PDB file of N, CA and C in Angstrom:
ATOM      1  N   UNK A   1     251.833-113.034  65.479  1.00  0.00           N
ATOM      2  CA  UNK A   1     252.106-113.449  66.846  1.00  0.00           C
ATOM      3  C   UNK A   1     253.589-113.192  67.135  1.00  0.00           C
ATOM      4  N   UNK A   2     253.869-112.677  68.297  1.00  0.00           N
ATOM      5  CA  UNK A   2     255.237-112.356  68.680  1.00  0.00           C
ATOM      6  C   UNK A   2     256.012-113.623  69.041  1.00  0.00           C
ATOM      7  N   UNK A   3     257.324-113.533  68.895  1.00  0.00           N
ATOM      8  CA  UNK A   3     258.173-114.649  69.312  1.00  0.00           C
ATOM      9  C   UNK A   3     258.096-114.818  70.819  1.00  0.00           C
ATOM     10  N   UNK A   4     258.135-116.056  71.254  1.00  0.00           N
ATOM     11  CA  UNK A   4     258.162-116.383  72.675  1.00  0.00           C
ATOM     12  C   UNK A   4     259.607-116.690  73.014  1.00  0.00           C
ATOM     13  N   UNK A   5     260.212-115.822  73.799  1.00  0.00           N
ATOM     14  CA  UNK A   5     261.622-115.975  74.127  1.00  0.00           C
ATOM     15  C   UNK A   5     261.869-116.311  75.590  1.00  0.00           C
ATOM     16  N   UNK A   6     260.890-116.024  76.443  1.00  0.00           N
ATOM     17  CA  UNK A   6     261.070-116.259  77.875  1.00  0.00           C
ATOM     18  C   UNK A   6     259.803-116.866  78.465  1.00  0.00           C
ATOM     19  N   UNK A   7     259.922-117.373  79.674  1.00  0.00           N
ATOM     20  CA  UNK A   7     258.751-117.892  80.373  1.00  0.00           C
ATOM     21  C   UNK A   7     257.763-116.759  80.656  1.00  0.00           C
ATOM     22  N   UNK A   8     258.265-115.558  80.885  1.00  0.00           N
ATOM     23  CA  UNK A   8     257.381-114.404  81.090  1.00  0.00           C
ATOM     24  C   UNK A   8     256.521-114.165  79.840  1.00  0.00           C
ATOM     25  N   UNK A   9     257.095-114.383  78.656  1.00  0.00           N
ATOM     26  CA  UNK A   9     256.329-114.255  77.414  1.00  0.00           C
ATOM     27  C   UNK A   9     255.216-115.293  77.365  1.00  0.00           C
ATOM     28  N   UNK A  10     255.507-116.510  77.803  1.00  0.00           N
ATOM     29  CA  UNK A  10     254.490-117.575  77.829  1.00  0.00           C
ATOM     30  C   UNK A  10     253.377-117.190  78.794  1.00  0.00           C
ATOM     31  N   UNK A  11     253.748-116.674  79.953  1.00  0.00           N
ATOM     32  CA  UNK A  11     252.740-116.270  80.945  1.00  0.00           C
ATOM     33  C   UNK A  11     251.795-115.217  80.360  1.00  0.00           C
ATOM     34  N   UNK A  12     252.366-114.201  79.700  1.00  0.00           N
ATOM     35  CA  UNK A  12     251.537-113.141  79.108  1.00  0.00           C
ATOM     36  C   UNK A  12     250.635-113.706  78.015  1.00  0.00           C
ATOM     37  N   UNK A  13     251.169-114.607  77.201  1.00  0.00           N
ATOM     38  CA  UNK A  13     250.387-115.220  76.137  1.00  0.00           C
ATOM     39  C   UNK A  13     249.224-116.028  76.703  1.00  0.00           C
ATOM     40  N   UNK A  14     249.494-116.838  77.711  1.00  0.00           N
ATOM     41  CA  UNK A  14     248.455-117.670  78.330  1.00  0.00           C
ATOM     42  C   UNK A  14     247.340-116.786  78.883  1.00  0.00           C
ATOM     43  N   UNK A  15     247.710-115.759  79.613  1.00  0.00           N
ATOM     44  CA  UNK A  15     246.703-114.871  80.207  1.00  0.00           C
ATOM     45  C   UNK A  15     245.869-114.194  79.113  1.00  0.00           C
ATOM     46  N   UNK A  16     246.531-113.666  78.095  1.00  0.00           N
ATOM     47  CA  UNK A  16     245.818-112.971  77.018  1.00  0.00           C
ATOM     48  C   UNK A  16     244.877-113.915  76.267  1.00  0.00           C
ATOM     49  N   UNK A  17     245.371-115.118  75.933  1.00  0.00           N
ATOM     50  CA  UNK A  17     244.542-116.074  75.197  1.00  0.00           C
ATOM     51  C   UNK A  17     243.393-116.588  76.050  1.00  0.00           C
ATOM     52  N   UNK A  18     243.634-116.809  77.328  1.00  0.00           N
ATOM     53  CA  UNK A  18     242.565-117.263  78.229  1.00  0.00           C
ATOM     54  C   UNK A  18     241.457-116.212  78.278  1.00  0.00           C
ATOM     55  N   UNK A  19     241.846-114.956  78.451  1.00  0.00           N
ATOM     56  CA  UNK A  19     240.859-113.882  78.526  1.00  0.00           C
ATOM     57  C   UNK A  19     240.140-113.703  77.185  1.00  0.00           C
ATOM     58  N   UNK A  20     240.890-113.804  76.094  1.00  0.00           N
ATOM     59  CA  UNK A  20     240.287-113.649  74.769  1.00  0.00           C
ATOM     60  C   UNK A  20     239.199-114.689  74.540  1.00  0.00           C
ATOM     61  N   UNK A  21     239.386-115.867  75.093  1.00  0.00           N
ATOM     62  CA  UNK A  21     238.404-116.951  74.936  1.00  0.00           C
ATOM     63  C   UNK A  21     237.306-116.917  76.005  1.00  0.00           C
ATOM     64  N   UNK A  22     237.379-115.927  76.897  1.00  0.00           N
ATOM     65  CA  UNK A  22     236.340-115.780  77.910  1.00  0.00           C
ATOM     66  C   UNK A  22     236.402-116.808  79.025  1.00  0.00           C
ATOM     67  N   UNK A  23     237.574-117.387  79.253  1.00  0.00           N
ATOM     68  CA  UNK A  23     237.726-118.385  80.315  1.00  0.00           C
ATOM     69  C   UNK A  23     238.233-117.740  81.595  1.00  0.00           C
ATOM     70  N   UNK A  24     237.628-118.095  82.700  1.00  0.00           N
ATOM     71  CA  UNK A  24     238.175-117.683  83.994  1.00  0.00           C
ATOM     72  C   UNK A  24     239.396-118.546  84.292  1.00  0.00           C
ATOM     73  N   UNK A  25     240.183-118.121  85.257  1.00  0.00           N
ATOM     74  CA  UNK A  25     241.323-118.943  85.664  1.00  0.00           C
ATOM     75  C   UNK A  25     240.840-120.295  86.164  1.00  0.00           C
ATOM     76  N   UNK A  26     239.770-120.295  86.936  1.00  0.00           N
ATOM     77  CA  UNK A  26     239.247-121.549  87.472  1.00  0.00           C
ATOM     78  C   UNK A  26     238.790-122.508  86.390  1.00  0.00           C
ATOM     79  N   UNK A  27     238.092-121.979  85.384  1.00  0.00           N
ATOM     80  CA  UNK A  27     237.598-122.835  84.293  1.00  0.00           C
ATOM     81  C   UNK A  27     238.758-123.394  83.479  1.00  0.00           C
ATOM     82  N   UNK A  28     239.695-122.543  83.121  1.00  0.00           N
ATOM     83  CA  UNK A  28     240.838-122.997  82.317  1.00  0.00           C
ATOM     84  C   UNK A  28     241.665-124.017  83.079  1.00  0.00           C
ATOM     85  N   UNK A  29     241.952-123.734  84.335  1.00  0.00           N
ATOM     86  CA  UNK A  29     242.759-124.654  85.145  1.00  0.00           C
ATOM     87  C   UNK A  29     242.044-125.988  85.330  1.00  0.00           C
ATOM     88  N   UNK A  30     240.746-125.944  85.562  1.00  0.00           N
ATOM     89  CA  UNK A  30     239.979-127.167  85.750  1.00  0.00           C
ATOM     90  C   UNK A  30     240.008-128.073  84.528  1.00  0.00           C
ATOM     91  N   UNK A  31     240.043-127.478  83.349  1.00  0.00           N
ATOM     92  CA  UNK A  31     240.061-128.269  82.115  1.00  0.00           C
ATOM     93  C   UNK A  31     241.366-129.032  81.917  1.00  0.00           C
ATOM     94  N   UNK A  32     242.422-128.628  82.607  1.00  0.00           N
ATOM     95  CA  UNK A  32     243.686-129.381  82.512  1.00  0.00           C
ATOM     96  C   UNK A  32     244.032-130.047  83.842  1.00  0.00           C
ATOM     97  N   UNK A  33     243.057-130.080  84.775  1.00  0.00           N
ATOM     98  CA  UNK A  33     243.244-130.818  86.015  1.00  0.00           C
ATOM     99  C   UNK A  33     243.994-130.067  87.109  1.00  0.00           C
ATOM    100  N   UNK A  34     243.877-128.752  87.112  1.00  0.00           N
ATOM    101  CA  UNK A  34     244.537-127.960  88.155  1.00  0.00           C
ATOM    102  C   UNK A  34     243.556-126.977  88.772  1.00  0.00           C
ATOM    103  N   UNK A  35     244.021-126.269  89.783  1.00  0.00           N
ATOM    104  CA  UNK A  35     243.179-125.311  90.499  1.00  0.00           C
ATOM    105  C   UNK A  35     243.378-123.897  89.970  1.00  0.00           C
ATOM    106  N   UNK A  36     242.429-123.035  90.324  1.00  0.00           N
ATOM    107  CA  UNK A  36     242.532-121.626  89.961  1.00  0.00           C
ATOM    108  C   UNK A  36     243.791-121.022  90.552  1.00  0.00           C
ATOM    109  N   UNK A  37     244.137-121.387  91.783  1.00  0.00           N
ATOM    110  CA  UNK A  37     245.338-120.848  92.423  1.00  0.00           C
ATOM    111  C   UNK A  37     246.587-121.222  91.638  1.00  0.00           C
ATOM    112  N   UNK A  38     246.637-122.459  91.156  1.00  0.00           N
ATOM    113  CA  UNK A  38     247.796-122.883  90.361  1.00  0.00           C
ATOM    114  C   UNK A  38     247.960-121.994  89.140  1.00  0.00           C
ATOM    115  N   UNK A  39     246.848-121.752  88.407  1.00  0.00           N
ATOM    116  CA  UNK A  39     246.941-120.937  87.205  1.00  0.00           C
ATOM    117  C   UNK A  39     247.265-119.481  87.557  1.00  0.00           C
ATOM    118  N   UNK A  40     246.690-118.983  88.627  1.00  0.00           N
ATOM    119  CA  UNK A  40     247.005-117.631  89.067  1.00  0.00           C
ATOM    120  C   UNK A  40     248.489-117.500  89.384  1.00  0.00           C
ATOM    121  N   UNK A  41     249.019-118.471  90.129  1.00  0.00           N
ATOM    122  CA  UNK A  41     250.451-118.453  90.471  1.00  0.00           C
ATOM    123  C   UNK A  41     251.321-118.539  89.216  1.00  0.00           C
ATOM    124  N   UNK A  42     250.889-119.308  88.228  1.00  0.00           N
ATOM    125  CA  UNK A  42     251.642-119.397  86.971  1.00  0.00           C
ATOM    126  C   UNK A  42     251.617-118.063  86.236  1.00  0.00           C
ATOM    127  N   UNK A  43     250.424-117.506  86.065  1.00  0.00           N
ATOM    128  CA  UNK A  43     250.298-116.259  85.305  1.00  0.00           C
ATOM    129  C   UNK A  43     251.038-115.096  85.955  1.00  0.00           C
ATOM    130  N   UNK A  44     251.135-115.101  87.275  1.00  0.00           N
ATOM    131  CA  UNK A  44     251.803-113.992  87.975  1.00  0.00           C
ATOM    132  C   UNK A  44     253.272-114.255  88.262  1.00  0.00           C
ATOM    133  N   UNK A  45     253.764-115.428  87.881  1.00  0.00           N
ATOM    134  CA  UNK A  45     255.187-115.721  88.061  1.00  0.00           C
ATOM    135  C   UNK A  45     255.559-116.266  89.421  1.00  0.00           C
ATOM    136  N   UNK A  46     254.581-116.673  90.200  1.00  0.00           N
ATOM    137  CA  UNK A  46     254.864-117.217  91.535  1.00  0.00           C
ATOM    138  C   UNK A  46     255.257-118.689  91.498  1.00  0.00           C
ATOM    139  N   UNK A  47     254.985-119.359  90.365  1.00  0.00           N
ATOM    140  CA  UNK A  47     255.373-120.766  90.248  1.00  0.00           C
ATOM    141  C   UNK A  47     255.743-121.063  88.805  1.00  0.00           C
ATOM    142  N   UNK A  48     256.594-122.040  88.644  1.00  0.00           N
ATOM    143  CA  UNK A  48     257.014-122.503  87.324  1.00  0.00           C
ATOM    144  C   UNK A  48     256.532-123.942  87.163  1.00  0.00           C
ATOM    145  N   UNK A  49     255.522-124.150  86.321  1.00  0.00           N
ATOM    146  CA  UNK A  49     254.978-125.492  86.161  1.00  0.00           C
ATOM    147  C   UNK A  49     255.888-126.357  85.297  1.00  0.00           C
ATOM    148  N   UNK A  50     255.680-127.667  85.363  1.00  0.00           N
ATOM    149  CA  UNK A  50     256.399-128.555  84.454  1.00  0.00           C
ATOM    150  C   UNK A  50     256.037-128.212  83.008  1.00  0.00           C
ATOM    151  N   UNK A  51     256.934-128.466  82.111  1.00  0.00           N
ATOM    152  CA  UNK A  51     256.702-128.191  80.692  1.00  0.00           C
ATOM    153  C   UNK A  51     255.440-128.880  80.204  1.00  0.00           C
ATOM    154  N   UNK A  52     255.179-130.088  80.669  1.00  0.00           N
ATOM    155  CA  UNK A  52     253.998-130.827  80.213  1.00  0.00           C
ATOM    156  C   UNK A  52     252.716-130.069  80.546  1.00  0.00           C
ATOM    157  N   UNK A  53     252.650-129.439  81.701  1.00  0.00           N
ATOM    158  CA  UNK A  53     251.455-128.691  82.076  1.00  0.00           C
ATOM    159  C   UNK A  53     251.325-127.426  81.239  1.00  0.00           C
ATOM    160  N   UNK A  54     252.437-126.782  80.947  1.00  0.00           N
ATOM    161  CA  UNK A  54     252.411-125.588  80.099  1.00  0.00           C
ATOM    162  C   UNK A  54     251.916-125.948  78.707  1.00  0.00           C
ATOM    163  N   UNK A  55     252.385-127.074  78.171  1.00  0.00           N
ATOM    164  CA  UNK A  55     251.937-127.516  76.852  1.00  0.00           C
ATOM    165  C   UNK A  55     250.450-127.857  76.854  1.00  0.00           C
ATOM    166  N   UNK A  56     249.955-128.480  77.908  1.00  0.00           N
ATOM    167  CA  UNK A  56     248.524-128.786  78.002  1.00  0.00           C
ATOM    168  C   UNK A  56     247.712-127.491  78.001  1.00  0.00           C
ATOM    169  N   UNK A  57     248.189-126.497  78.728  1.00  0.00           N
ATOM    170  CA  UNK A  57     247.492-125.224  78.796  1.00  0.00           C
ATOM    171  C   UNK A  57     247.479-124.533  77.433  1.00  0.00           C
ATOM    172  N   UNK A  58     248.609-124.543  76.745  1.00  0.00           N
ATOM    173  CA  UNK A  58     248.674-123.948  75.409  1.00  0.00           C
ATOM    174  C   UNK A  58     247.756-124.691  74.433  1.00  0.00           C
ATOM    175  N   UNK A  59     247.713-126.016  74.540  1.00  0.00           N
ATOM    176  CA  UNK A  59     246.825-126.809  73.681  1.00  0.00           C
ATOM    177  C   UNK A  59     245.365-126.467  73.967  1.00  0.00           C
ATOM    178  N   UNK A  60     245.002-126.366  75.238  1.00  0.00           N
ATOM    179  CA  UNK A  60     243.645-126.005  75.628  1.00  0.00           C
ATOM    180  C   UNK A  60     243.247-124.670  75.009  1.00  0.00           C
ATOM    181  N   UNK A  61     244.169-123.725  75.003  1.00  0.00           N
ATOM    182  CA  UNK A  61     243.893-122.387  74.493  1.00  0.00           C
ATOM    183  C   UNK A  61     244.014-122.293  72.976  1.00  0.00           C
ATOM    184  N   UNK A  62     244.430-123.402  72.343  1.00  0.00           N
ATOM    185  CA  UNK A  62     244.527-123.423  70.894  1.00  0.00           C
ATOM    186  C   UNK A  62     245.681-122.610  70.347  1.00  0.00           C
ATOM    187  N   UNK A  63     246.739-122.485  71.125  1.00  0.00           N
ATOM    188  CA  UNK A  63     247.900-121.710  70.700  1.00  0.00           C
ATOM    189  C   UNK A  63     248.815-122.608  69.873  1.00  0.00           C
ATOM    190  N   UNK A  64     249.025-122.286  68.594  1.00  0.00           N
ATOM    191  CA  UNK A  64     249.916-123.108  67.772  1.00  0.00           C
ATOM    192  C   UNK A  64     251.379-122.842  68.113  1.00  0.00           C
ATOM    193  N   UNK A  65     252.179-123.872  68.043  1.00  0.00           N
ATOM    194  CA  UNK A  65     253.619-123.710  68.214  1.00  0.00           C
ATOM    195  C   UNK A  65     254.266-123.925  66.858  1.00  0.00           C
ATOM    196  N   UNK A  66     255.240-123.104  66.561  1.00  0.00           N
ATOM    197  CA  UNK A  66     255.972-123.237  65.307  1.00  0.00           C
ATOM    198  C   UNK A  66     257.457-123.301  65.613  1.00  0.00           C
ATOM    199  N   UNK A  67     258.146-124.092  64.854  1.00  0.00           N
ATOM    200  CA  UNK A  67     259.592-124.153  64.989  1.00  0.00           C
ATOM    201  C   UNK A  67     260.221-123.338  63.879  1.00  0.00           C
ATOM    202  N   UNK A  68     261.395-122.895  64.121  1.00  0.00           N
ATOM    203  CA  UNK A  68     262.136-122.126  63.137  1.00  0.00           C
ATOM    204  C   UNK A  68     263.535-121.904  63.665  1.00  0.00           C
ATOM    205  N   UNK A  69     264.328-121.117  62.967  1.00  0.00           N
ATOM    206  CA  UNK A  69     265.685-120.853  63.449  1.00  0.00           C
ATOM    207  C   UNK A  69     265.654-120.148  64.804  1.00  0.00           C
ATOM    208  N   UNK A  70     266.615-120.459  65.635  1.00  0.00           N
ATOM    209  CA  UNK A  70     266.723-119.796  66.935  1.00  0.00           C
ATOM    210  C   UNK A  70     267.025-118.321  66.716  1.00  0.00           C
ATOM    211  N   UNK A  71     266.601-117.506  67.655  1.00  0.00           N
ATOM    212  CA  UNK A  71     266.868-116.073  67.567  1.00  0.00           C
ATOM    213  C   UNK A  71     268.370-115.851  67.497  1.00  0.00           C
ATOM    214  N   UNK A  72     268.789-115.049  66.559  1.00  0.00           N
ATOM    215  CA  UNK A  72     270.211-114.759  66.417  1.00  0.00           C
ATOM    216  C   UNK A  72     270.962-115.752  65.557  1.00  0.00           C
ATOM    217  N   UNK A  73     270.291-116.827  65.137  1.00  0.00           N
ATOM    218  CA  UNK A  73     270.987-117.813  64.309  1.00  0.00           C
ATOM    219  C   UNK A  73     270.928-117.374  62.848  1.00  0.00           C
ATOM    220  N   UNK A  74     271.774-117.944  62.073  1.00  0.00           N
ATOM    221  CA  UNK A  74     271.803-117.644  60.646  1.00  0.00           C
ATOM    222  C   UNK A  74     270.897-118.646  59.943  1.00  0.00           C
ATOM    223  N   UNK A  75     269.958-118.124  59.172  1.00  0.00           N
ATOM    224  CA  UNK A  75     269.026-118.987  58.457  1.00  0.00           C
ATOM    225  C   UNK A  75     269.746-119.658  57.285  1.00  0.00           C
ATOM    226  N   UNK A  76     269.329-120.865  56.917  1.00  0.00           N
ATOM    227  CA  UNK A  76     269.934-121.528  55.771  1.00  0.00           C
ATOM    228  C   UNK A  76     269.747-120.687  54.504  1.00  0.00           C
ATOM    229  N   UNK A  77     270.584-120.905  53.528  1.00  0.00           N
ATOM    230  CA  UNK A  77     270.553-120.129  52.290  1.00  0.00           C
ATOM    231  C   UNK A  77     269.195-120.219  51.600  1.00  0.00           C
ATOM    232  N   UNK A  78     268.500-121.321  51.723  1.00  0.00           N
ATOM    233  CA  UNK A  78     267.219-121.497  51.042  1.00  0.00           C
ATOM    234  C   UNK A  78     266.077-120.820  51.794  1.00  0.00           C
ATOM    235  N   UNK A  79     266.350-120.210  52.903  1.00  0.00           N
ATOM    236  CA  UNK A  79     265.318-119.536  53.693  1.00  0.00           C
ATOM    237  C   UNK A  79     265.001-120.310  54.947  1.00  0.00           C
ATOM    238  N   UNK A  80     264.325-119.657  55.878  1.00  0.00           N
ATOM    239  CA  UNK A  80     264.018-120.316  57.149  1.00  0.00           C
ATOM    240  C   UNK A  80     263.014-121.447  56.967  1.00  0.00           C
ATOM    241  N   UNK A  81     263.191-122.477  57.741  1.00  0.00           N
ATOM    242  CA  UNK A  81     262.267-123.599  57.730  1.00  0.00           C
ATOM    243  C   UNK A  81     261.359-123.429  58.922  1.00  0.00           C
ATOM    244  N   UNK A  82     260.079-123.426  58.659  1.00  0.00           N
ATOM    245  CA  UNK A  82     259.110-123.281  59.735  1.00  0.00           C
ATOM    246  C   UNK A  82     258.077-124.367  59.580  1.00  0.00           C
ATOM    247  N   UNK A  83     257.696-124.960  60.689  1.00  0.00           N
ATOM    248  CA  UNK A  83     256.622-125.939  60.628  1.00  0.00           C
ATOM    249  C   UNK A  83     255.822-125.844  61.901  1.00  0.00           C
ATOM    250  N   UNK A  84     254.550-126.125  61.794  1.00  0.00           N
ATOM    251  CA  UNK A  84     253.669-126.063  62.936  1.00  0.00           C
ATOM    252  C   UNK A  84     253.672-127.407  63.648  1.00  0.00           C
ATOM    253  N   UNK A  85     253.640-127.358  64.960  1.00  0.00           N
ATOM    254  CA  UNK A  85     253.609-128.568  65.775  1.00  0.00           C
ATOM    255  C   UNK A  85     252.223-128.674  66.385  1.00  0.00           C
ATOM    256  N   UNK A  86     251.566-129.800  66.210  1.00  0.00           N
ATOM    257  CA  UNK A  86     250.250-130.034  66.779  1.00  0.00           C
ATOM    258  C   UNK A  86     250.439-130.559  68.190  1.00  0.00           C
ATOM    259  N   UNK A  87     250.412-129.636  69.181  1.00  0.00           N
ATOM    260  CA  UNK A  87     250.732-130.046  70.552  1.00  0.00           C
ATOM    261  C   UNK A  87     249.599-130.773  71.250  1.00  0.00           C
ATOM    262  N   UNK A  88     248.366-130.690  70.708  1.00  0.00           N
ATOM    263  CA  UNK A  88     247.285-131.404  71.378  1.00  0.00           C
ATOM    264  C   UNK A  88     247.003-132.756  70.764  1.00  0.00           C
ATOM    265  N   UNK A  89     247.813-133.159  69.799  1.00  0.00           N
ATOM    266  CA  UNK A  89     247.639-134.481  69.207  1.00  0.00           C
ATOM    267  C   UNK A  89     247.864-135.543  70.285  1.00  0.00           C
ATOM    268  N   UNK A  90     246.892-136.371  70.470  1.00  0.00           N
ATOM    269  CA  UNK A  90     247.024-137.443  71.436  1.00  0.00           C
ATOM    270  C   UNK A  90     246.527-137.096  72.828  1.00  0.00           C
ATOM    271  N   UNK A  91     246.077-135.851  73.042  1.00  0.00           N
ATOM    272  CA  UNK A  91     245.543-135.478  74.364  1.00  0.00           C
ATOM    273  C   UNK A  91     244.116-135.940  74.489  1.00  0.00           C
TER     274      UNK A  91
END
């Protein structure tokens, strides 16, 4: 999986994962309490949703988030630390 560095990267990921799972915009948006237009506007860059809604959408699509060193940072001598974050825990 490629690094996500921009909101445009998140938009492309959401669209690709939604399609891969066979979900229409309306179905995916409805599962997180929004409309098809909202998801369309998000995927095309016409709106910027709150972070909480983006996280709900990523959780719905089963996209894992991992933490690690920031791009361009120097990794610790023992190697990069990476851990997965369960973003749908508690949803």
